[in-house]
Amino acid sequence: MKGRLLPVGLGGAGLAAVCCLTPFLPWLFSLLGISGALGYVYRDDVLLPILAGFLILTGYALWRRRRTK
């Protein structure tokens, strides 16, 4: 799990940022067949905390990597 924190953090932060800035999320949800959940998730009060959480995870992974060297 040690080596996976940074890629998961960066990938999640990137995906959340793309969903905040572009209409990528409706396409993704329609491909997954869960477009009915768009009204609940495609809001800034949901996406911005998700983005913040992934950025915190990325920061923690970078801090942990620097500490172990």
PDB file of N, CA and C in Angstrom:
ATOM      1  N   MET A   1       0.821  -1.201   0.000  1.00  0.00           N
ATOM      2  CA  MET A   1       0.000   0.000   0.000  1.00  0.00           C
ATOM      3  C   MET A   1       0.860   1.259   0.000  1.00  0.00           C
ATOM      4  N   LYS A   2       2.101   1.133   0.456  1.00  0.00           N
ATOM      5  CA  LYS A   2       2.961   2.309   0.525  1.00  0.00           C
ATOM      6  C   LYS A   2       3.133   2.989  -0.824  1.00  0.00           C
ATOM      7  N   GLY A   3       3.442   2.210  -1.834  1.00  0.00           N
ATOM      8  CA  GLY A   3       3.716   2.767  -3.142  1.00  0.00           C
ATOM      9  C   GLY A   3       2.479   3.175  -3.924  1.00  0.00           C
ATOM     10  N   ARG A   4       1.302   2.859  -3.423  1.00  0.00           N
ATOM     11  CA  ARG A   4       0.075   3.143  -4.165  1.00  0.00           C
ATOM     12  C   ARG A   4      -0.607   4.434  -3.724  1.00  0.00           C
ATOM     13  N   LEU A   5      -0.188   5.026  -2.608  1.00  0.00           N
ATOM     14  CA  LEU A   5      -0.847   6.235  -2.122  1.00  0.00           C
ATOM     15  C   LEU A   5      -0.703   7.397  -3.100  1.00  0.00           C
ATOM     16  N   LEU A   6       0.491   7.605  -3.600  1.00  0.00           N
ATOM     17  CA  LEU A   6       0.726   8.733  -4.498  1.00  0.00           C
ATOM     18  C   LEU A   6      -0.042   8.601  -5.816  1.00  0.00           C
ATOM     19  N   PRO A   7      -0.009   7.465  -6.505  1.00  0.00           N
ATOM     20  CA  PRO A   7      -0.801   7.369  -7.746  1.00  0.00           C
ATOM     21  C   PRO A   7      -2.304   7.487  -7.508  1.00  0.00           C
ATOM     22  N   VAL A   8      -2.796   6.923  -6.411  1.00  0.00           N
ATOM     23  CA  VAL A   8      -4.228   7.035  -6.117  1.00  0.00           C
ATOM     24  C   VAL A   8      -4.585   8.483  -5.818  1.00  0.00           C
ATOM     25  N   GLY A   9      -3.762   9.165  -5.041  1.00  0.00           N
ATOM     26  CA  GLY A   9      -4.014  10.566  -4.727  1.00  0.00           C
ATOM     27  C   GLY A   9      -3.987  11.455  -5.950  1.00  0.00           C
ATOM     28  N   LEU A  10      -2.970  11.275  -6.783  1.00  0.00           N
ATOM     29  CA  LEU A  10      -2.867  12.093  -7.993  1.00  0.00           C
ATOM     30  C   LEU A  10      -3.982  11.788  -8.987  1.00  0.00           C
ATOM     31  N   GLY A  11      -4.290  10.511  -9.146  1.00  0.00           N
ATOM     32  CA  GLY A  11      -5.366  10.141 -10.071  1.00  0.00           C
ATOM     33  C   GLY A  11      -6.714  10.650  -9.615  1.00  0.00           C
ATOM     34  N   GLY A  12      -7.011  10.506  -8.338  1.00  0.00           N
ATOM     35  CA  GLY A  12      -8.281  10.995  -7.811  1.00  0.00           C
ATOM     36  C   GLY A  12      -8.391  12.506  -7.875  1.00  0.00           C
ATOM     37  N   ALA A  13      -7.306  13.196  -7.540  1.00  0.00           N
ATOM     38  CA  ALA A  13      -7.313  14.661  -7.615  1.00  0.00           C
ATOM     39  C   ALA A  13      -7.474  15.122  -9.057  1.00  0.00           C
ATOM     40  N   GLY A  14      -6.797  14.451  -9.974  1.00  0.00           N
ATOM     41  CA  GLY A  14      -6.931  14.810 -11.389  1.00  0.00           C
ATOM     42  C   GLY A  14      -8.340  14.581 -11.902  1.00  0.00           C
ATOM     43  N   LEU A  15      -8.922  13.444 -11.541  1.00  0.00           N
ATOM     44  CA  LEU A  15     -10.283  13.153 -11.980  1.00  0.00           C
ATOM     45  C   LEU A  15     -11.292  14.126 -11.372  1.00  0.00           C
ATOM     46  N   ALA A  16     -11.138  14.440 -10.096  1.00  0.00           N
ATOM     47  CA  ALA A  16     -12.049  15.390  -9.459  1.00  0.00           C
ATOM     48  C   ALA A  16     -11.895  16.779 -10.061  1.00  0.00           C
ATOM     49  N   ALA A  17     -10.667  17.181 -10.386  1.00  0.00           N
ATOM     50  CA  ALA A  17     -10.458  18.490 -11.009  1.00  0.00           C
ATOM     51  C   ALA A  17     -11.077  18.537 -12.403  1.00  0.00           C
ATOM     52  N   VAL A  18     -10.940  17.458 -13.163  1.00  0.00           N
ATOM     53  CA  VAL A  18     -11.535  17.406 -14.501  1.00  0.00           C
ATOM     54  C   VAL A  18     -13.058  17.450 -14.404  1.00  0.00           C
ATOM     55  N   CYS A  19     -13.613  16.774 -13.416  1.00  0.00           N
ATOM     56  CA  CYS A  19     -15.063  16.775 -13.248  1.00  0.00           C
ATOM     57  C   CYS A  19     -15.576  18.133 -12.798  1.00  0.00           C
ATOM     58  N   CYS A  20     -14.780  18.866 -12.046  1.00  0.00           N
ATOM     59  CA  CYS A  20     -15.189  20.200 -11.604  1.00  0.00           C
ATOM     60  C   CYS A  20     -15.147  21.199 -12.754  1.00  0.00           C
ATOM     61  N   LEU A  21     -14.184  21.060 -13.636  1.00  0.00           N
ATOM     62  CA  LEU A  21     -13.946  22.082 -14.651  1.00  0.00           C
ATOM     63  C   LEU A  21     -14.602  21.798 -15.995  1.00  0.00           C
ATOM     64  N   THR A  22     -14.954  20.560 -16.261  1.00  0.00           N
ATOM     65  CA  THR A  22     -15.520  20.220 -17.564  1.00  0.00           C
ATOM     66  C   THR A  22     -16.765  19.359 -17.371  1.00  0.00           C
ATOM     67  N   PRO A  23     -17.552  19.211 -18.378  1.00  0.00           N
ATOM     68  CA  PRO A  23     -18.721  18.316 -18.275  1.00  0.00           C
ATOM     69  C   PRO A  23     -18.347  16.856 -18.513  1.00  0.00           C
ATOM     70  N   PHE A  24     -17.261  16.405 -17.893  1.00  0.00           N
ATOM     71  CA  PHE A  24     -16.786  15.035 -18.047  1.00  0.00           C
ATOM     72  C   PHE A  24     -17.626  14.049 -17.238  1.00  0.00           C
ATOM     73  N   LEU A  25     -18.111  14.477 -16.089  1.00  0.00           N
ATOM     74  CA  LEU A  25     -18.839  13.585 -15.195  1.00  0.00           C
ATOM     75  C   LEU A  25     -20.134  13.048 -15.801  1.00  0.00           C
ATOM     76  N   PRO A  26     -20.952  13.843 -16.496  1.00  0.00           N
ATOM     77  CA  PRO A  26     -22.139  13.257 -17.116  1.00  0.00           C
ATOM     78  C   PRO A  26     -21.816  12.173 -18.142  1.00  0.00           C
ATOM     79  N   TRP A  27     -20.767  12.345 -18.894  1.00  0.00           N
ATOM     80  CA  TRP A  27     -20.373  11.313 -19.858  1.00  0.00           C
ATOM     81  C   TRP A  27     -19.959  10.041 -19.145  1.00  0.00           C
ATOM     82  N   LEU A  28     -19.177  10.191 -18.091  1.00  0.00           N
ATOM     83  CA  LEU A  28     -18.718   9.034 -17.343  1.00  0.00           C
ATOM     84  C   LEU A  28     -19.885   8.281 -16.700  1.00  0.00           C
ATOM     85  N   PHE A  29     -20.803   9.025 -16.101  1.00  0.00           N
ATOM     86  CA  PHE A  29     -21.955   8.387 -15.452  1.00  0.00           C
ATOM     87  C   PHE A  29     -22.867   7.715 -16.466  1.00  0.00           C
ATOM     88  N   SER A  30     -23.031   8.312 -17.637  1.00  0.00           N
ATOM     89  CA  SER A  30     -23.879   7.674 -18.645  1.00  0.00           C
ATOM     90  C   SER A  30     -23.216   6.402 -19.183  1.00  0.00           C
ATOM     91  N   LEU A  31     -21.898   6.388 -19.274  1.00  0.00           N
ATOM     92  CA  LEU A  31     -21.206   5.175 -19.690  1.00  0.00           C
ATOM     93  C   LEU A  31     -21.347   4.068 -18.649  1.00  0.00           C
ATOM     94  N   LEU A  32     -21.351   4.451 -17.375  1.00  0.00           N
ATOM     95  CA  LEU A  32     -21.485   3.467 -16.309  1.00  0.00           C
ATOM     96  C   LEU A  32     -22.939   3.069 -16.054  1.00  0.00           C
ATOM     97  N   GLY A  33     -23.876   3.805 -16.635  1.00  0.00           N
ATOM     98  CA  GLY A  33     -25.286   3.485 -16.468  1.00  0.00           C
ATOM     99  C   GLY A  33     -25.895   4.003 -15.179  1.00  0.00           C
ATOM    100  N   ILE A  34     -25.260   4.973 -14.567  1.00  0.00           N
ATOM    101  CA  ILE A  34     -25.782   5.530 -13.314  1.00  0.00           C
ATOM    102  C   ILE A  34     -26.051   7.029 -13.452  1.00  0.00           C
ATOM    103  N   SER A  35     -26.564   7.414 -14.594  1.00  0.00           N
ATOM    104  CA  SER A  35     -26.785   8.842 -14.832  1.00  0.00           C
ATOM    105  C   SER A  35     -27.882   9.421 -13.949  1.00  0.00           C
ATOM    106  N   GLY A  36     -28.679   8.592 -13.299  1.00  0.00           N
ATOM    107  CA  GLY A  36     -29.694   9.092 -12.383  1.00  0.00           C
ATOM    108  C   GLY A  36     -29.097   9.727 -11.133  1.00  0.00           C
ATOM    109  N   ALA A  37     -27.856   9.396 -10.820  1.00  0.00           N
ATOM    110  CA  ALA A  37     -27.192   9.951  -9.634  1.00  0.00           C
ATOM    111  C   ALA A  37     -26.529  11.292  -9.909  1.00  0.00           C
ATOM    112  N   LEU A  38     -26.632  11.796 -11.124  1.00  0.00           N
ATOM    113  CA  LEU A  38     -25.976  13.048 -11.478  1.00  0.00           C
ATOM    114  C   LEU A  38     -26.457  14.225 -10.650  1.00  0.00           C
ATOM    115  N   GLY A  39     -27.723  14.271 -10.353  1.00  0.00           N
ATOM    116  CA  GLY A  39     -28.264  15.394  -9.592  1.00  0.00           C
ATOM    117  C   GLY A  39     -27.693  15.492  -8.196  1.00  0.00           C
ATOM    118  N   TYR A  40     -27.255  14.376  -7.643  1.00  0.00           N
ATOM    119  CA  TYR A  40     -26.708  14.366  -6.292  1.00  0.00           C
ATOM    120  C   TYR A  40     -25.205  14.628  -6.261  1.00  0.00           C
ATOM    121  N   VAL A  41     -24.509  14.176  -7.279  1.00  0.00           N
ATOM    122  CA  VAL A  41     -23.053  14.218  -7.252  1.00  0.00           C
ATOM    123  C   VAL A  41     -22.482  15.408  -8.015  1.00  0.00           C
ATOM    124  N   TYR A  42     -23.111  15.821  -9.081  1.00  0.00           N
ATOM    125  CA  TYR A  42     -22.552  16.864  -9.947  1.00  0.00           C
ATOM    126  C   TYR A  42     -22.858  18.248  -9.381  1.00  0.00           C
ATOM    127  N   ARG A  43     -22.351  18.471  -8.197  1.00  0.00           N
ATOM    128  CA  ARG A  43     -22.493  19.767  -7.543  1.00  0.00           C
ATOM    129  C   ARG A  43     -21.161  20.109  -6.907  1.00  0.00           C
ATOM    130  N   ASP A  44     -20.894  21.385  -6.786  1.00  0.00           N
ATOM    131  CA  ASP A  44     -19.613  21.798  -6.221  1.00  0.00           C
ATOM    132  C   ASP A  44     -19.494  21.456  -4.745  1.00  0.00           C
ATOM    133  N   ASP A  45     -20.607  21.389  -4.032  1.00  0.00           N
ATOM    134  CA  ASP A  45     -20.507  21.063  -2.609  1.00  0.00           C
ATOM    135  C   ASP A  45     -20.179  19.596  -2.378  1.00  0.00           C
ATOM    136  N   VAL A  46     -20.189  18.779  -3.419  1.00  0.00           N
ATOM    137  CA  VAL A  46     -19.758  17.379  -3.325  1.00  0.00           C
ATOM    138  C   VAL A  46     -18.371  17.216  -3.952  1.00  0.00           C
ATOM    139  N   LEU A  47     -18.166  17.793  -5.125  1.00  0.00           N
ATOM    140  CA  LEU A  47     -16.909  17.585  -5.848  1.00  0.00           C
ATOM    141  C   LEU A  47     -15.722  18.295  -5.204  1.00  0.00           C
ATOM    142  N   LEU A  48     -15.913  19.479  -4.662  1.00  0.00           N
ATOM    143  CA  LEU A  48     -14.787  20.197  -4.073  1.00  0.00           C
ATOM    144  C   LEU A  48     -14.239  19.516  -2.818  1.00  0.00           C
ATOM    145  N   PRO A  49     -15.063  18.989  -1.905  1.00  0.00           N
ATOM    146  CA  PRO A  49     -14.486  18.225  -0.791  1.00  0.00           C
ATOM    147  C   PRO A  49     -13.782  16.943  -1.239  1.00  0.00           C
ATOM    148  N   ILE A  50     -14.297  16.300  -2.303  1.00  0.00           N
ATOM    149  CA  ILE A  50     -13.612  15.125  -2.835  1.00  0.00           C
ATOM    150  C   ILE A  50     -12.238  15.524  -3.365  1.00  0.00           C
ATOM    151  N   LEU A  51     -12.185  16.636  -4.090  1.00  0.00           N
ATOM    152  CA  LEU A  51     -10.906  17.144  -4.590  1.00  0.00           C
ATOM    153  C   LEU A  51      -9.966  17.462  -3.437  1.00  0.00           C
ATOM    154  N   ALA A  52     -10.466  18.108  -2.403  1.00  0.00           N
ATOM    155  CA  ALA A  52      -9.633  18.438  -1.241  1.00  0.00           C
ATOM    156  C   ALA A  52      -9.112  17.170  -0.565  1.00  0.00           C
ATOM    157  N   GLY A  53      -9.951  16.166  -0.441  1.00  0.00           N
ATOM    158  CA  GLY A  53      -9.521  14.914   0.176  1.00  0.00           C
ATOM    159  C   GLY A  53      -8.414  14.234  -0.599  1.00  0.00           C
ATOM    160  N   PHE A  54      -8.532  14.205  -1.918  1.00  0.00           N
ATOM    161  CA  PHE A  54      -7.482  13.585  -2.726  1.00  0.00           C
ATOM    162  C   PHE A  54      -6.203  14.413  -2.709  1.00  0.00           C
ATOM    163  N   LEU A  55      -6.327  15.746  -2.630  1.00  0.00           N
ATOM    164  CA  LEU A  55      -5.126  16.570  -2.520  1.00  0.00           C
ATOM    165  C   LEU A  55      -4.429  16.351  -1.181  1.00  0.00           C
ATOM    166  N   ILE A  56      -5.197  16.170  -0.114  1.00  0.00           N
ATOM    167  CA  ILE A  56      -4.615  15.859   1.191  1.00  0.00           C
ATOM    168  C   ILE A  56      -3.927  14.496   1.146  1.00  0.00           C
ATOM    169  N   LEU A  57      -4.550  13.526   0.498  1.00  0.00           N
ATOM    170  CA  LEU A  57      -3.941  12.203   0.353  1.00  0.00           C
ATOM    171  C   LEU A  57      -2.633  12.285  -0.429  1.00  0.00           C
ATOM    172  N   THR A  58      -2.612  13.087  -1.469  1.00  0.00           N
ATOM    173  CA  THR A  58      -1.388  13.273  -2.251  1.00  0.00           C
ATOM    174  C   THR A  58      -0.296  13.925  -1.406  1.00  0.00           C
ATOM    175  N   GLY A  59      -0.673  14.945  -0.652  1.00  0.00           N
ATOM    176  CA  GLY A  59       0.295  15.599   0.227  1.00  0.00           C
ATOM    177  C   GLY A  59       0.847  14.649   1.272  1.00  0.00           C
ATOM    178  N   TYR A  60      -0.011  13.825   1.839  1.00  0.00           N
ATOM    179  CA  TYR A  60       0.433  12.833   2.825  1.00  0.00           C
ATOM    180  C   TYR A  60       1.396  11.830   2.202  1.00  0.00           C
ATOM    181  N   ALA A  61       1.087  11.382   0.988  1.00  0.00           N
ATOM    182  CA  ALA A  61       1.963  10.422   0.310  1.00  0.00           C
ATOM    183  C   ALA A  61       3.323  11.051   0.011  1.00  0.00           C
ATOM    184  N   LEU A  62       3.332  12.310  -0.406  1.00  0.00           N
ATOM    185  CA  LEU A  62       4.601  12.981  -0.666  1.00  0.00           C
ATOM    186  C   LEU A  62       5.392  13.192   0.623  1.00  0.00           C
ATOM    187  N   TRP A  63       4.705  13.566   1.687  1.00  0.00           N
ATOM    188  CA  TRP A  63       5.357  13.754   2.980  1.00  0.00           C
ATOM    189  C   TRP A  63       5.948  12.438   3.481  1.00  0.00           C
ATOM    190  N   ARG A  64       5.191  11.367   3.321  1.00  0.00           N
ATOM    191  CA  ARG A  64       5.651  10.054   3.778  1.00  0.00           C
ATOM    192  C   ARG A  64       6.845   9.578   2.948  1.00  0.00           C
ATOM    193  N   ARG A  65       6.823   9.860   1.654  1.00  0.00           N
ATOM    194  CA  ARG A  65       7.933   9.470   0.781  1.00  0.00           C
ATOM    195  C   ARG A  65       9.198  10.232   1.165  1.00  0.00           C
ATOM    196  N   ARG A  66       9.063  11.524   1.449  1.00  0.00           N
ATOM    197  CA  ARG A  66      10.215  12.327   1.817  1.00  0.00           C
ATOM    198  C   ARG A  66      10.777  11.911   3.179  1.00  0.00           C
ATOM    199  N   ARG A  67       9.896  11.531   4.086  1.00  0.00           N
ATOM    200  CA  ARG A  67      10.303  11.156   5.430  1.00  0.00           C
ATOM    201  C   ARG A  67      11.082   9.848   5.450  1.00  0.00           C
ATOM    202  N   THR A  68      10.744   8.931   4.552  1.00  0.00           N
ATOM    203  CA  THR A  68      11.400   7.624   4.553  1.00  0.00           C
ATOM    204  C   THR A  68      12.764   7.643   3.856  1.00  0.00           C
ATOM    205  N   LYS A  69      13.067   8.678   3.099  1.00  0.00           N
ATOM    206  CA  LYS A  69      14.369   8.732   2.392  1.00  0.00           C
ATOM    207  C   LYS A  69      15.475   9.180   3.289  1.00  0.00           C
TER     208      LYS A  69
END
